[in-house]
Amino acid sequence: MSKLFVVGTPIGNLDDISGRALEVFSNVDLILAEDTRVIQKILNNFEIKTSVSRYNEHKPEKVFEKITELFKQGKSVALVSDAGMPGVSDPGGKLVEYIQKNIKGVGILVVPGPSAVTSALAVSGMPANEFTFLGYPPAKNKRQKFFKKVAGVEITPVVLYESPHRFLKTLRQLKEYIDSERDVFVGREMTKMYEEYFRGTVEEALYYFGEEGEGKVKGEFVIVIE
């Protein structure tokens, strides 16, 4: 029976890859990736020769057609994100849904791996029996609406992702909309060489990263709001 393996990959440190993930990568017929360069680095590091193909979210029909043919041949495929679990702020979920609805007889299995959401929550010191994940704020339009939504969320903490280009802008907008006494936790470059964590008010975070932290606004960020 053909199988689709939904595989979690490291969010930074390559040593966080699981033995099961490496076994799957070695045995499937194709690995689908949003960015082939990232998975290729992992494969090269562990001397795995499996073919890699790009999953282009803007032209998914070509990918759907390709894997449909592979599954007809009884072959198996692994799906990976750039980092972490596919489908979390990642277009991979659309592929899983397509297979569930349109291709019968394919086993869909998960190979759990690192997740920036749960990793940040684990070290934030904030109770996380329940939480709200909102992904990346809009790049341009509807940002005001988004941060009003953040301020009004009842199930906390709230977890956001942010790029280095908009990180300080996002902190400034959070300052406008959330209570000044609420803490935020910031995880920067988690599991990587320049891994760094900060917890304090939004104003303190702006001071640390904006004024005190000149040159620190690099890498990917996870923001957890108390």
N, C-alpha and C. Protein backbone atom coordinates (compact mmCIF):
# COMPACT_ATOMS: atom_id res chain seq x y z
N MET A 1 0.85 -1.20 0.00
CA MET A 1 0.00 0.00 0.00
C MET A 1 0.88 1.25 0.00
N SER A 2 0.54 2.21 -0.83
CA SER A 2 1.26 3.48 -0.86
C SER A 2 1.04 4.24 0.44
N LYS A 3 2.04 5.02 0.83
CA LYS A 3 1.93 5.78 2.08
C LYS A 3 2.44 7.20 1.89
N LEU A 4 1.80 8.12 2.60
CA LEU A 4 2.30 9.49 2.73
C LEU A 4 2.75 9.65 4.18
N PHE A 5 4.02 9.98 4.37
CA PHE A 5 4.56 10.23 5.70
C PHE A 5 4.67 11.73 5.90
N VAL A 6 3.98 12.25 6.90
CA VAL A 6 4.05 13.67 7.25
C VAL A 6 5.11 13.78 8.34
N VAL A 7 6.27 14.37 7.98
CA VAL A 7 7.46 14.24 8.82
C VAL A 7 7.90 15.58 9.41
N GLY A 8 8.07 15.61 10.72
CA GLY A 8 8.61 16.80 11.39
C GLY A 8 10.12 16.85 11.24
N THR A 9 10.63 18.04 10.99
CA THR A 9 12.08 18.24 10.83
C THR A 9 12.58 19.31 11.80
N PRO A 10 13.88 19.36 12.05
CA PRO A 10 14.43 20.31 13.03
C PRO A 10 14.06 21.76 12.72
N ILE A 11 13.87 22.55 13.79
CA ILE A 11 13.62 23.98 13.61
C ILE A 11 14.94 24.76 13.60
N GLY A 12 16.04 24.05 13.71
CA GLY A 12 17.35 24.69 13.69
C GLY A 12 18.47 23.68 13.77
N ASN A 13 18.61 23.06 14.92
CA ASN A 13 19.70 22.12 15.17
C ASN A 13 19.42 20.79 14.47
N LEU A 14 20.29 20.40 13.52
CA LEU A 14 20.07 19.18 12.74
C LEU A 14 20.07 17.93 13.61
N ASP A 15 20.72 17.99 14.76
CA ASP A 15 20.76 16.82 15.64
C ASP A 15 19.40 16.52 16.26
N ASP A 16 18.42 17.41 16.10
CA ASP A 16 17.09 17.16 16.62
C ASP A 16 16.27 16.24 15.71
N ILE A 17 16.81 15.86 14.56
CA ILE A 17 16.10 14.95 13.67
C ILE A 17 15.96 13.59 14.36
N SER A 18 14.82 12.94 14.17
CA SER A 18 14.62 11.65 14.82
C SER A 18 15.15 10.51 13.95
N GLY A 19 15.49 9.40 14.60
CA GLY A 19 15.95 8.23 13.87
C GLY A 19 14.88 7.70 12.94
N ARG A 20 13.61 7.80 13.36
CA ARG A 20 12.52 7.32 12.51
C ARG A 20 12.38 8.20 11.27
N ALA A 21 12.56 9.52 11.43
CA ALA A 21 12.47 10.41 10.27
C ALA A 21 13.56 10.06 9.25
N LEU A 22 14.77 9.80 9.72
CA LEU A 22 15.86 9.44 8.81
C LEU A 22 15.56 8.12 8.11
N GLU A 23 14.97 7.18 8.84
CA GLU A 23 14.62 5.90 8.23
C GLU A 23 13.58 6.09 7.13
N VAL A 24 12.58 6.93 7.40
CA VAL A 24 11.56 7.22 6.39
C VAL A 24 12.17 7.88 5.17
N PHE A 25 13.02 8.88 5.39
CA PHE A 25 13.66 9.58 4.27
C PHE A 25 14.47 8.61 3.40
N SER A 26 15.07 7.63 4.03
CA SER A 26 15.91 6.67 3.29
C SER A 26 15.08 5.70 2.46
N ASN A 27 13.82 5.47 2.85
CA ASN A 27 13.03 4.40 2.23
C ASN A 27 11.91 4.85 1.32
N VAL A 28 11.51 6.13 1.40
CA VAL A 28 10.45 6.58 0.50
C VAL A 28 11.01 6.80 -0.90
N ASP A 29 10.09 6.93 -1.86
CA ASP A 29 10.51 7.13 -3.25
C ASP A 29 10.72 8.60 -3.58
N LEU A 30 10.09 9.50 -2.81
CA LEU A 30 10.21 10.93 -3.08
C LEU A 30 9.95 11.71 -1.80
N ILE A 31 10.65 12.82 -1.64
CA ILE A 31 10.39 13.75 -0.53
C ILE A 31 9.88 15.05 -1.12
N LEU A 32 8.72 15.50 -0.67
CA LEU A 32 8.14 16.77 -1.11
C LEU A 32 8.45 17.84 -0.08
N ALA A 33 8.94 18.99 -0.53
CA ALA A 33 9.35 20.05 0.40
C ALA A 33 8.98 21.42 -0.15
N GLU A 34 8.59 22.31 0.76
CA GLU A 34 8.30 23.68 0.36
C GLU A 34 9.57 24.35 -0.18
N ASP A 35 10.69 24.10 0.48
CA ASP A 35 11.99 24.62 0.05
C ASP A 35 12.97 23.45 0.01
N THR A 36 13.35 23.03 -1.19
CA THR A 36 14.19 21.83 -1.33
C THR A 36 15.58 22.02 -0.74
N ARG A 37 16.04 23.26 -0.62
CA ARG A 37 17.39 23.51 -0.09
C ARG A 37 17.51 23.09 1.36
N VAL A 38 16.44 23.30 2.13
CA VAL A 38 16.48 22.99 3.55
C VAL A 38 16.56 21.49 3.79
N ILE A 39 15.67 20.73 3.15
CA ILE A 39 15.69 19.28 3.34
C ILE A 39 16.95 18.68 2.73
N GLN A 40 17.46 19.28 1.65
CA GLN A 40 18.67 18.74 1.04
C GLN A 40 19.86 18.84 1.98
N LYS A 41 19.89 19.88 2.80
CA LYS A 41 20.95 20.03 3.79
C LYS A 41 20.91 18.88 4.80
N ILE A 42 19.69 18.52 5.21
CA ILE A 42 19.54 17.39 6.14
C ILE A 42 19.98 16.10 5.47
N LEU A 43 19.51 15.87 4.24
CA LEU A 43 19.86 14.64 3.54
C LEU A 43 21.35 14.52 3.31
N ASN A 44 21.99 15.62 2.93
CA ASN A 44 23.43 15.59 2.70
C ASN A 44 24.18 15.28 3.99
N ASN A 45 23.69 15.87 5.09
CA ASN A 45 24.35 15.68 6.38
C ASN A 45 24.33 14.22 6.81
N PHE A 46 23.24 13.52 6.46
CA PHE A 46 23.11 12.12 6.87
C PHE A 46 23.30 11.15 5.69
N GLU A 47 23.83 11.67 4.58
CA GLU A 47 24.20 10.86 3.41
C GLU A 47 23.02 10.03 2.89
N ILE A 48 21.88 10.70 2.73
CA ILE A 48 20.69 10.07 2.19
C ILE A 48 20.47 10.58 0.77
N LYS A 49 20.23 9.67 -0.17
CA LYS A 49 20.22 10.01 -1.59
C LYS A 49 18.82 10.12 -2.20
N THR A 50 17.78 10.07 -1.41
CA THR A 50 16.40 10.09 -1.92
C THR A 50 16.11 11.38 -2.70
N SER A 51 15.36 11.24 -3.78
CA SER A 51 15.02 12.40 -4.61
C SER A 51 14.10 13.37 -3.86
N VAL A 52 14.28 14.65 -4.15
CA VAL A 52 13.48 15.70 -3.53
C VAL A 52 12.80 16.52 -4.61
N SER A 53 11.55 16.88 -4.39
CA SER A 53 10.81 17.71 -5.33
C SER A 53 10.13 18.83 -4.57
N ARG A 54 10.01 19.97 -5.21
CA ARG A 54 9.40 21.13 -4.56
C ARG A 54 7.88 21.03 -4.57
N TYR A 55 7.30 21.33 -3.41
CA TYR A 55 5.85 21.44 -3.32
C TYR A 55 5.51 22.92 -3.47
N ASN A 56 5.11 23.32 -4.65
CA ASN A 56 4.81 24.71 -4.95
C ASN A 56 3.35 24.99 -4.59
N GLU A 57 3.14 25.73 -3.50
CA GLU A 57 1.76 25.99 -3.05
C GLU A 57 0.97 26.82 -4.04
N HIS A 58 1.67 27.55 -4.94
CA HIS A 58 0.98 28.40 -5.90
C HIS A 58 0.55 27.62 -7.16
N LYS A 59 1.13 26.43 -7.34
CA LYS A 59 0.74 25.57 -8.46
C LYS A 59 0.57 24.14 -7.95
N PRO A 60 -0.36 23.96 -7.01
CA PRO A 60 -0.49 22.64 -6.37
C PRO A 60 -0.99 21.56 -7.32
N GLU A 61 -1.70 21.96 -8.38
CA GLU A 61 -2.26 20.95 -9.29
C GLU A 61 -1.18 20.05 -9.87
N LYS A 62 -0.03 20.62 -10.20
CA LYS A 62 1.06 19.83 -10.76
C LYS A 62 1.58 18.81 -9.75
N VAL A 63 1.65 19.25 -8.49
CA VAL A 63 2.10 18.34 -7.43
C VAL A 63 1.07 17.24 -7.22
N PHE A 64 -0.22 17.60 -7.18
CA PHE A 64 -1.27 16.62 -6.99
C PHE A 64 -1.23 15.56 -8.10
N GLU A 65 -1.02 16.02 -9.33
CA GLU A 65 -0.97 15.11 -10.47
C GLU A 65 0.23 14.16 -10.35
N LYS A 66 1.36 14.71 -9.93
CA LYS A 66 2.58 13.90 -9.82
C LYS A 66 2.45 12.82 -8.75
N ILE A 67 1.97 13.21 -7.58
CA ILE A 67 1.91 12.20 -6.51
C ILE A 67 0.79 11.20 -6.74
N THR A 68 -0.28 11.62 -7.42
CA THR A 68 -1.34 10.68 -7.77
C THR A 68 -0.77 9.55 -8.62
N GLU A 69 0.08 9.91 -9.56
CA GLU A 69 0.71 8.90 -10.42
C GLU A 69 1.64 8.00 -9.61
N LEU A 70 2.39 8.59 -8.69
CA LEU A 70 3.29 7.79 -7.85
C LEU A 70 2.50 6.80 -6.99
N PHE A 71 1.40 7.25 -6.43
CA PHE A 71 0.60 6.36 -5.59
C PHE A 71 -0.04 5.24 -6.42
N LYS A 72 -0.39 5.53 -7.66
CA LYS A 72 -0.92 4.49 -8.55
C LYS A 72 0.11 3.40 -8.78
N GLN A 73 1.39 3.79 -8.73
CA GLN A 73 2.49 2.84 -8.92
C GLN A 73 2.88 2.13 -7.62
N GLY A 74 2.15 2.43 -6.53
CA GLY A 74 2.44 1.78 -5.26
C GLY A 74 3.61 2.38 -4.51
N LYS A 75 4.00 3.60 -4.87
CA LYS A 75 5.15 4.22 -4.23
C LYS A 75 4.74 5.07 -3.03
N SER A 76 5.74 5.45 -2.23
CA SER A 76 5.48 6.23 -1.02
C SER A 76 6.22 7.55 -1.05
N VAL A 77 5.66 8.53 -0.34
CA VAL A 77 6.16 9.91 -0.37
C VAL A 77 6.26 10.44 1.06
N ALA A 78 7.28 11.26 1.31
CA ALA A 78 7.39 11.98 2.59
C ALA A 78 7.13 13.46 2.33
N LEU A 79 6.38 14.09 3.21
CA LEU A 79 6.10 15.53 3.12
C LEU A 79 6.78 16.23 4.28
N VAL A 80 7.56 17.28 3.99
CA VAL A 80 8.23 18.04 5.05
C VAL A 80 7.95 19.52 4.88
N SER A 81 8.09 20.25 5.98
CA SER A 81 8.01 21.70 5.97
C SER A 81 9.44 22.25 5.89
N ASP A 82 9.56 23.58 5.82
CA ASP A 82 10.90 24.17 5.92
C ASP A 82 11.52 23.82 7.26
N ALA A 83 10.70 23.82 8.29
CA ALA A 83 11.15 23.49 9.64
C ALA A 83 9.93 23.17 10.49
N GLY A 84 10.08 22.22 11.41
CA GLY A 84 8.96 21.88 12.27
C GLY A 84 7.99 20.93 11.60
N MET A 85 6.72 21.01 12.00
CA MET A 85 5.69 20.10 11.50
C MET A 85 4.99 20.67 10.27
N PRO A 86 4.86 19.87 9.21
CA PRO A 86 4.10 20.32 8.04
C PRO A 86 2.67 20.68 8.42
N GLY A 87 2.15 21.71 7.75
CA GLY A 87 0.77 22.12 7.99
C GLY A 87 0.61 23.21 9.01
N VAL A 88 1.65 23.49 9.81
CA VAL A 88 1.59 24.54 10.82
C VAL A 88 2.26 25.79 10.22
N SER A 89 1.45 26.78 9.85
CA SER A 89 1.95 27.94 9.09
C SER A 89 2.74 27.48 7.87
N ASP A 90 2.18 26.52 7.18
CA ASP A 90 2.86 25.84 6.08
C ASP A 90 1.79 25.27 5.17
N PRO A 91 2.00 25.27 3.85
CA PRO A 91 0.94 24.83 2.92
C PRO A 91 0.75 23.32 2.84
N GLY A 92 1.54 22.55 3.57
CA GLY A 92 1.46 21.10 3.46
C GLY A 92 0.11 20.51 3.79
N GLY A 93 -0.65 21.19 4.63
CA GLY A 93 -1.96 20.68 5.00
C GLY A 93 -2.90 20.52 3.81
N LYS A 94 -2.72 21.35 2.80
CA LYS A 94 -3.58 21.26 1.61
C LYS A 94 -3.34 19.96 0.85
N LEU A 95 -2.08 19.52 0.86
CA LEU A 95 -1.76 18.25 0.20
C LEU A 95 -2.38 17.07 0.94
N VAL A 96 -2.27 17.08 2.26
CA VAL A 96 -2.86 16.01 3.07
C VAL A 96 -4.36 15.95 2.83
N GLU A 97 -5.01 17.11 2.82
CA GLU A 97 -6.45 17.15 2.59
C GLU A 97 -6.81 16.62 1.21
N TYR A 98 -6.02 16.98 0.21
CA TYR A 98 -6.30 16.51 -1.16
C TYR A 98 -6.24 14.99 -1.23
N ILE A 99 -5.23 14.41 -0.60
CA ILE A 99 -5.10 12.94 -0.62
C ILE A 99 -6.26 12.29 0.12
N GLN A 100 -6.61 12.84 1.28
CA GLN A 100 -7.72 12.28 2.05
C GLN A 100 -9.01 12.25 1.23
N LYS A 101 -9.25 13.29 0.46
CA LYS A 101 -10.52 13.43 -0.25
C LYS A 101 -10.53 12.79 -1.64
N ASN A 102 -9.35 12.64 -2.25
CA ASN A 102 -9.34 12.27 -3.67
C ASN A 102 -8.59 10.99 -4.02
N ILE A 103 -7.73 10.52 -3.15
CA ILE A 103 -6.94 9.33 -3.50
C ILE A 103 -7.20 8.25 -2.46
N LYS A 104 -7.89 7.23 -2.86
CA LYS A 104 -8.25 6.15 -1.94
C LYS A 104 -7.10 5.15 -1.80
N GLY A 105 -7.04 4.53 -0.64
CA GLY A 105 -6.08 3.45 -0.43
C GLY A 105 -4.68 3.90 -0.11
N VAL A 106 -4.50 5.16 0.23
CA VAL A 106 -3.17 5.66 0.62
C VAL A 106 -3.13 5.81 2.14
N GLY A 107 -2.17 5.19 2.78
CA GLY A 107 -2.02 5.34 4.22
C GLY A 107 -1.32 6.65 4.55
N ILE A 108 -1.90 7.44 5.43
CA ILE A 108 -1.29 8.72 5.83
C ILE A 108 -0.80 8.57 7.27
N LEU A 109 0.50 8.69 7.45
CA LEU A 109 1.12 8.47 8.76
C LEU A 109 1.91 9.70 9.17
N VAL A 110 1.99 9.95 10.47
CA VAL A 110 2.76 11.10 10.96
C VAL A 110 4.04 10.61 11.64
N VAL A 111 5.11 11.33 11.40
CA VAL A 111 6.38 11.11 12.09
C VAL A 111 6.65 12.39 12.88
N PRO A 112 6.26 12.43 14.15
CA PRO A 112 6.32 13.68 14.92
C PRO A 112 7.75 14.20 15.05
N GLY A 113 7.84 15.51 15.10
CA GLY A 113 9.15 16.14 15.25
C GLY A 113 9.04 17.46 15.96
N PRO A 114 10.10 18.27 15.95
CA PRO A 114 10.10 19.56 16.64
C PRO A 114 9.01 20.49 16.15
N SER A 115 8.57 21.36 17.04
CA SER A 115 7.58 22.39 16.71
C SER A 115 7.96 23.67 17.43
N ALA A 116 8.06 24.76 16.70
CA ALA A 116 8.42 26.04 17.32
C ALA A 116 7.36 26.49 18.31
N VAL A 117 6.09 26.17 18.03
CA VAL A 117 5.00 26.59 18.92
C VAL A 117 5.18 25.97 20.30
N THR A 118 5.23 24.64 20.34
CA THR A 118 5.30 23.96 21.62
C THR A 118 6.65 24.15 22.30
N SER A 119 7.71 24.30 21.52
CA SER A 119 9.03 24.54 22.11
C SER A 119 9.06 25.87 22.85
N ALA A 120 8.50 26.91 22.23
CA ALA A 120 8.47 28.23 22.87
C ALA A 120 7.60 28.21 24.11
N LEU A 121 6.45 27.55 24.04
CA LEU A 121 5.58 27.45 25.20
C LEU A 121 6.28 26.74 26.35
N ALA A 122 7.06 25.72 26.02
CA ALA A 122 7.72 24.93 27.06
C ALA A 122 8.72 25.73 27.87
N VAL A 123 9.37 26.70 27.22
CA VAL A 123 10.40 27.48 27.93
C VAL A 123 9.92 28.88 28.31
N SER A 124 8.67 29.19 28.01
CA SER A 124 8.15 30.53 28.30
C SER A 124 7.85 30.74 29.77
N GLY A 125 7.60 29.65 30.49
CA GLY A 125 7.21 29.78 31.89
C GLY A 125 5.75 30.16 32.06
N MET A 126 5.00 30.20 30.97
CA MET A 126 3.58 30.54 31.04
C MET A 126 2.74 29.27 31.00
N PRO A 127 1.74 29.15 31.86
CA PRO A 127 0.88 27.97 31.84
C PRO A 127 0.28 27.77 30.44
N ALA A 128 0.35 26.55 29.94
CA ALA A 128 -0.11 26.30 28.57
C ALA A 128 -1.00 25.07 28.49
N ASN A 129 -1.88 24.91 29.50
CA ASN A 129 -2.86 23.83 29.43
C ASN A 129 -3.78 24.04 28.23
N GLU A 130 -3.96 25.29 27.87
CA GLU A 130 -4.65 25.66 26.64
C GLU A 130 -3.99 26.94 26.12
N PHE A 131 -4.03 27.12 24.81
CA PHE A 131 -3.42 28.32 24.22
C PHE A 131 -4.04 28.56 22.86
N THR A 132 -3.76 29.75 22.30
CA THR A 132 -4.24 30.11 20.97
C THR A 132 -3.04 30.38 20.07
N PHE A 133 -3.01 29.72 18.93
CA PHE A 133 -1.93 29.95 17.96
C PHE A 133 -2.49 30.69 16.76
N LEU A 134 -1.89 31.84 16.43
CA LEU A 134 -2.39 32.67 15.33
C LEU A 134 -1.41 32.81 14.18
N GLY A 135 -0.27 32.13 14.25
CA GLY A 135 0.67 32.15 13.13
C GLY A 135 1.29 33.52 12.90
N TYR A 136 1.57 33.82 11.63
CA TYR A 136 2.19 35.10 11.27
C TYR A 136 1.15 36.21 11.14
N PRO A 137 1.40 37.39 11.71
CA PRO A 137 0.53 38.53 11.43
C PRO A 137 0.58 38.86 9.94
N PRO A 138 -0.48 39.44 9.39
CA PRO A 138 -0.47 39.83 7.98
C PRO A 138 0.72 40.75 7.69
N ALA A 139 1.30 40.60 6.51
CA ALA A 139 2.48 41.39 6.16
C ALA A 139 2.15 42.87 6.01
N LYS A 140 1.00 43.17 5.41
CA LYS A 140 0.66 44.58 5.16
C LYS A 140 -0.78 44.89 5.57
N ASN A 141 -1.73 44.38 4.82
CA ASN A 141 -3.14 44.71 5.06
C ASN A 141 -3.70 43.96 6.27
N LYS A 142 -4.70 44.54 6.88
CA LYS A 142 -5.46 43.93 7.97
C LYS A 142 -4.66 43.71 9.25
N ARG A 143 -3.55 44.40 9.40
CA ARG A 143 -2.76 44.23 10.62
C ARG A 143 -3.50 44.78 11.84
N GLN A 144 -4.15 45.92 11.68
CA GLN A 144 -4.90 46.51 12.79
C GLN A 144 -5.97 45.54 13.28
N LYS A 145 -6.68 44.93 12.36
CA LYS A 145 -7.72 43.95 12.70
C LYS A 145 -7.10 42.75 13.41
N PHE A 146 -5.94 42.34 12.93
CA PHE A 146 -5.27 41.18 13.52
C PHE A 146 -4.90 41.43 14.98
N PHE A 147 -4.31 42.60 15.28
CA PHE A 147 -3.86 42.87 16.65
C PHE A 147 -5.03 43.16 17.59
N LYS A 148 -6.13 43.65 17.05
CA LYS A 148 -7.34 43.75 17.86
C LYS A 148 -7.82 42.36 18.25
N LYS A 149 -7.70 41.44 17.32
CA LYS A 149 -8.07 40.05 17.58
C LYS A 149 -7.17 39.45 18.66
N VAL A 150 -5.86 39.71 18.57
CA VAL A 150 -4.92 39.22 19.57
C VAL A 150 -5.32 39.72 20.96
N ALA A 151 -5.63 41.02 21.04
CA ALA A 151 -5.97 41.63 22.33
C ALA A 151 -7.24 41.04 22.92
N GLY A 152 -8.14 40.57 22.06
CA GLY A 152 -9.43 40.07 22.53
C GLY A 152 -9.51 38.57 22.73
N VAL A 153 -8.42 37.85 22.44
CA VAL A 153 -8.43 36.39 22.59
C VAL A 153 -8.65 36.01 24.06
N GLU A 154 -9.57 35.11 24.29
CA GLU A 154 -9.89 34.70 25.66
C GLU A 154 -9.04 33.52 26.12
N ILE A 155 -8.64 32.66 25.18
CA ILE A 155 -7.82 31.50 25.55
C ILE A 155 -6.35 31.88 25.38
N THR A 156 -5.66 32.05 26.50
CA THR A 156 -4.27 32.47 26.48
C THR A 156 -3.38 31.39 27.09
N PRO A 157 -2.06 31.45 26.83
CA PRO A 157 -1.34 32.47 26.08
C PRO A 157 -1.61 32.41 24.58
N VAL A 158 -1.23 33.49 23.91
CA VAL A 158 -1.35 33.58 22.46
C VAL A 158 0.04 33.47 21.84
N VAL A 159 0.17 32.63 20.83
CA VAL A 159 1.47 32.41 20.20
C VAL A 159 1.45 32.95 18.77
N LEU A 160 2.49 33.72 18.44
CA LEU A 160 2.65 34.28 17.09
C LEU A 160 4.02 33.90 16.55
N TYR A 161 4.12 33.83 15.25
CA TYR A 161 5.41 33.77 14.57
C TYR A 161 5.70 35.15 13.99
N GLU A 162 6.97 35.49 13.82
CA GLU A 162 7.30 36.73 13.14
C GLU A 162 8.68 36.65 12.51
N SER A 163 8.82 37.34 11.38
CA SER A 163 10.10 37.40 10.66
C SER A 163 10.94 38.55 11.23
N PRO A 164 12.26 38.54 10.98
CA PRO A 164 13.09 39.63 11.50
C PRO A 164 12.73 40.98 10.92
N HIS A 165 12.18 41.02 9.71
CA HIS A 165 11.87 42.28 9.04
C HIS A 165 10.71 43.02 9.69
N ARG A 166 9.79 42.28 10.31
CA ARG A 166 8.61 42.92 10.89
C ARG A 166 8.52 42.75 12.40
N PHE A 167 9.54 42.18 13.02
CA PHE A 167 9.49 41.87 14.44
C PHE A 167 9.26 43.11 15.30
N LEU A 168 10.06 44.16 15.10
CA LEU A 168 9.91 45.37 15.91
C LEU A 168 8.58 46.08 15.62
N LYS A 169 8.16 46.05 14.37
CA LYS A 169 6.87 46.63 14.00
C LYS A 169 5.74 45.91 14.74
N THR A 170 5.85 44.60 14.84
CA THR A 170 4.84 43.81 15.54
C THR A 170 4.84 44.13 17.03
N LEU A 171 6.01 44.28 17.63
CA LEU A 171 6.07 44.65 19.04
C LEU A 171 5.41 46.01 19.27
N ARG A 172 5.66 46.95 18.38
CA ARG A 172 5.07 48.29 18.53
C ARG A 172 3.54 48.22 18.45
N GLN A 173 3.04 47.38 17.55
CA GLN A 173 1.58 47.27 17.42
C GLN A 173 0.98 46.51 18.61
N LEU A 174 1.70 45.54 19.12
CA LEU A 174 1.23 44.86 20.33
C LEU A 174 1.13 45.86 21.49
N LYS A 175 2.09 46.77 21.57
CA LYS A 175 2.09 47.78 22.63
C LYS A 175 0.83 48.64 22.56
N GLU A 176 0.34 48.88 21.34
CA GLU A 176 -0.86 49.69 21.16
C GLU A 176 -2.12 48.98 21.66
N TYR A 177 -2.15 47.65 21.54
CA TYR A 177 -3.41 46.95 21.71
C TYR A 177 -3.53 46.10 22.96
N ILE A 178 -2.43 45.63 23.54
CA ILE A 178 -2.58 44.76 24.71
C ILE A 178 -2.26 45.52 25.99
N ASP A 179 -2.75 45.02 27.09
CA ASP A 179 -2.52 45.62 28.40
C ASP A 179 -1.03 45.74 28.67
N SER A 180 -0.60 46.89 29.14
CA SER A 180 0.83 47.16 29.34
C SER A 180 1.47 46.26 30.38
N GLU A 181 0.66 45.63 31.23
CA GLU A 181 1.21 44.78 32.28
C GLU A 181 1.35 43.32 31.85
N ARG A 182 0.82 42.99 30.68
CA ARG A 182 0.93 41.60 30.21
C ARG A 182 2.36 41.32 29.75
N ASP A 183 2.90 40.21 30.17
CA ASP A 183 4.22 39.81 29.74
C ASP A 183 4.18 39.25 28.32
N VAL A 184 5.30 39.39 27.64
CA VAL A 184 5.51 38.65 26.39
C VAL A 184 6.80 37.87 26.54
N PHE A 185 6.83 36.72 25.92
CA PHE A 185 8.03 35.90 25.87
C PHE A 185 8.47 35.84 24.42
N VAL A 186 9.75 36.07 24.17
CA VAL A 186 10.27 36.04 22.81
C VAL A 186 11.34 34.96 22.71
N GLY A 187 11.16 34.06 21.76
CA GLY A 187 12.18 33.07 21.45
C GLY A 187 12.79 33.39 20.10
N ARG A 188 14.08 33.59 20.08
CA ARG A 188 14.77 33.95 18.82
C ARG A 188 15.77 32.86 18.46
N GLU A 189 15.74 32.42 17.20
CA GLU A 189 16.71 31.44 16.71
C GLU A 189 16.75 30.18 17.59
N MET A 190 15.61 29.67 17.95
CA MET A 190 15.55 28.52 18.85
C MET A 190 16.31 27.32 18.30
N THR A 191 17.11 26.73 19.15
CA THR A 191 17.96 25.55 18.91
C THR A 191 19.17 25.86 18.02
N LYS A 192 19.34 27.11 17.59
CA LYS A 192 20.46 27.46 16.72
C LYS A 192 21.60 28.09 17.53
N MET A 193 22.65 28.49 16.83
CA MET A 193 23.85 29.00 17.49
C MET A 193 23.56 30.23 18.35
N TYR A 194 22.71 31.14 17.85
CA TYR A 194 22.44 32.38 18.57
C TYR A 194 21.09 32.34 19.29
N GLU A 195 20.73 31.18 19.78
CA GLU A 195 19.48 31.00 20.53
C GLU A 195 19.39 31.98 21.68
N GLU A 196 18.21 32.61 21.80
CA GLU A 196 18.05 33.64 22.82
C GLU A 196 16.59 33.73 23.25
N TYR A 197 16.40 34.01 24.55
CA TYR A 197 15.05 34.13 25.08
C TYR A 197 14.92 35.41 25.91
N PHE A 198 13.73 35.99 25.87
CA PHE A 198 13.46 37.20 26.63
C PHE A 198 12.04 37.13 27.16
N ARG A 199 11.85 37.58 28.41
CA ARG A 199 10.50 37.71 28.95
C ARG A 199 10.38 39.02 29.71
N GLY A 200 9.31 39.74 29.45
CA GLY A 200 9.05 41.02 30.10
C GLY A 200 7.85 41.66 29.44
N THR A 201 7.60 42.93 29.74
CA THR A 201 6.50 43.63 29.08
C THR A 201 6.89 43.95 27.64
N VAL A 202 5.91 44.33 26.85
CA VAL A 202 6.19 44.70 25.46
C VAL A 202 7.14 45.89 25.41
N GLU A 203 6.95 46.85 26.30
CA GLU A 203 7.82 48.03 26.34
C GLU A 203 9.26 47.62 26.65
N GLU A 204 9.43 46.69 27.58
CA GLU A 204 10.77 46.20 27.91
C GLU A 204 11.38 45.43 26.74
N ALA A 205 10.54 44.69 26.03
CA ALA A 205 11.02 43.96 24.86
C ALA A 205 11.48 44.92 23.76
N LEU A 206 10.71 45.99 23.57
CA LEU A 206 11.11 46.99 22.57
C LEU A 206 12.44 47.64 22.93
N TYR A 207 12.62 47.92 24.19
CA TYR A 207 13.87 48.52 24.65
C TYR A 207 15.02 47.54 24.44
N TYR A 208 14.79 46.30 24.80
CA TYR A 208 15.85 45.29 24.71
C TYR A 208 16.25 45.01 23.27
N PHE A 209 15.26 44.79 22.42
CA PHE A 209 15.56 44.43 21.03
C PHE A 209 15.75 45.65 20.13
N GLY A 210 15.12 46.77 20.50
CA GLY A 210 15.20 47.94 19.64
C GLY A 210 16.37 48.84 19.94
N GLU A 211 16.58 49.14 21.23
CA GLU A 211 17.66 50.05 21.60
C GLU A 211 18.87 49.28 22.15
N GLU A 212 18.63 48.53 23.22
CA GLU A 212 19.71 47.74 23.81
C GLU A 212 20.20 46.66 22.85
N GLY A 213 19.26 46.12 22.10
CA GLY A 213 19.58 44.97 21.28
C GLY A 213 19.92 45.29 19.85
N GLU A 214 20.63 46.36 19.61
CA GLU A 214 21.02 46.73 18.25
C GLU A 214 21.76 45.57 17.60
N GLY A 215 21.27 45.15 16.43
CA GLY A 215 21.90 44.04 15.73
C GLY A 215 21.36 42.69 16.12
N LYS A 216 20.44 42.65 17.11
CA LYS A 216 19.92 41.36 17.54
C LYS A 216 18.68 40.95 16.76
N VAL A 217 18.12 41.86 16.01
CA VAL A 217 16.87 41.55 15.33
C VAL A 217 17.17 40.78 14.05
N LYS A 218 17.64 39.57 14.24
CA LYS A 218 17.95 38.66 13.13
C LYS A 218 17.36 37.30 13.48
N GLY A 219 17.08 36.53 12.46
CA GLY A 219 16.55 35.20 12.68
C GLY A 219 15.03 35.19 12.80
N GLU A 220 14.49 34.00 13.06
CA GLU A 220 13.05 33.83 13.18
C GLU A 220 12.62 33.96 14.64
N PHE A 221 11.44 34.51 14.86
CA PHE A 221 10.95 34.78 16.21
C PHE A 221 9.65 34.06 16.49
N VAL A 222 9.50 33.62 17.75
CA VAL A 222 8.21 33.17 18.27
C VAL A 222 7.88 34.08 19.44
N ILE A 223 6.66 34.63 19.43
CA ILE A 223 6.23 35.54 20.49
C ILE A 223 5.07 34.87 21.24
N VAL A 224 5.21 34.78 22.55
CA VAL A 224 4.14 34.20 23.39
C VAL A 224 3.62 35.33 24.28
N ILE A 225 2.32 35.58 24.20
CA ILE A 225 1.70 36.70 24.93
C ILE A 225 0.91 36.16 26.11
N GLU A 226 1.24 36.65 27.29
CA GLU A 226 0.62 36.19 28.53
C GLU A 226 -0.89 36.38 28.50
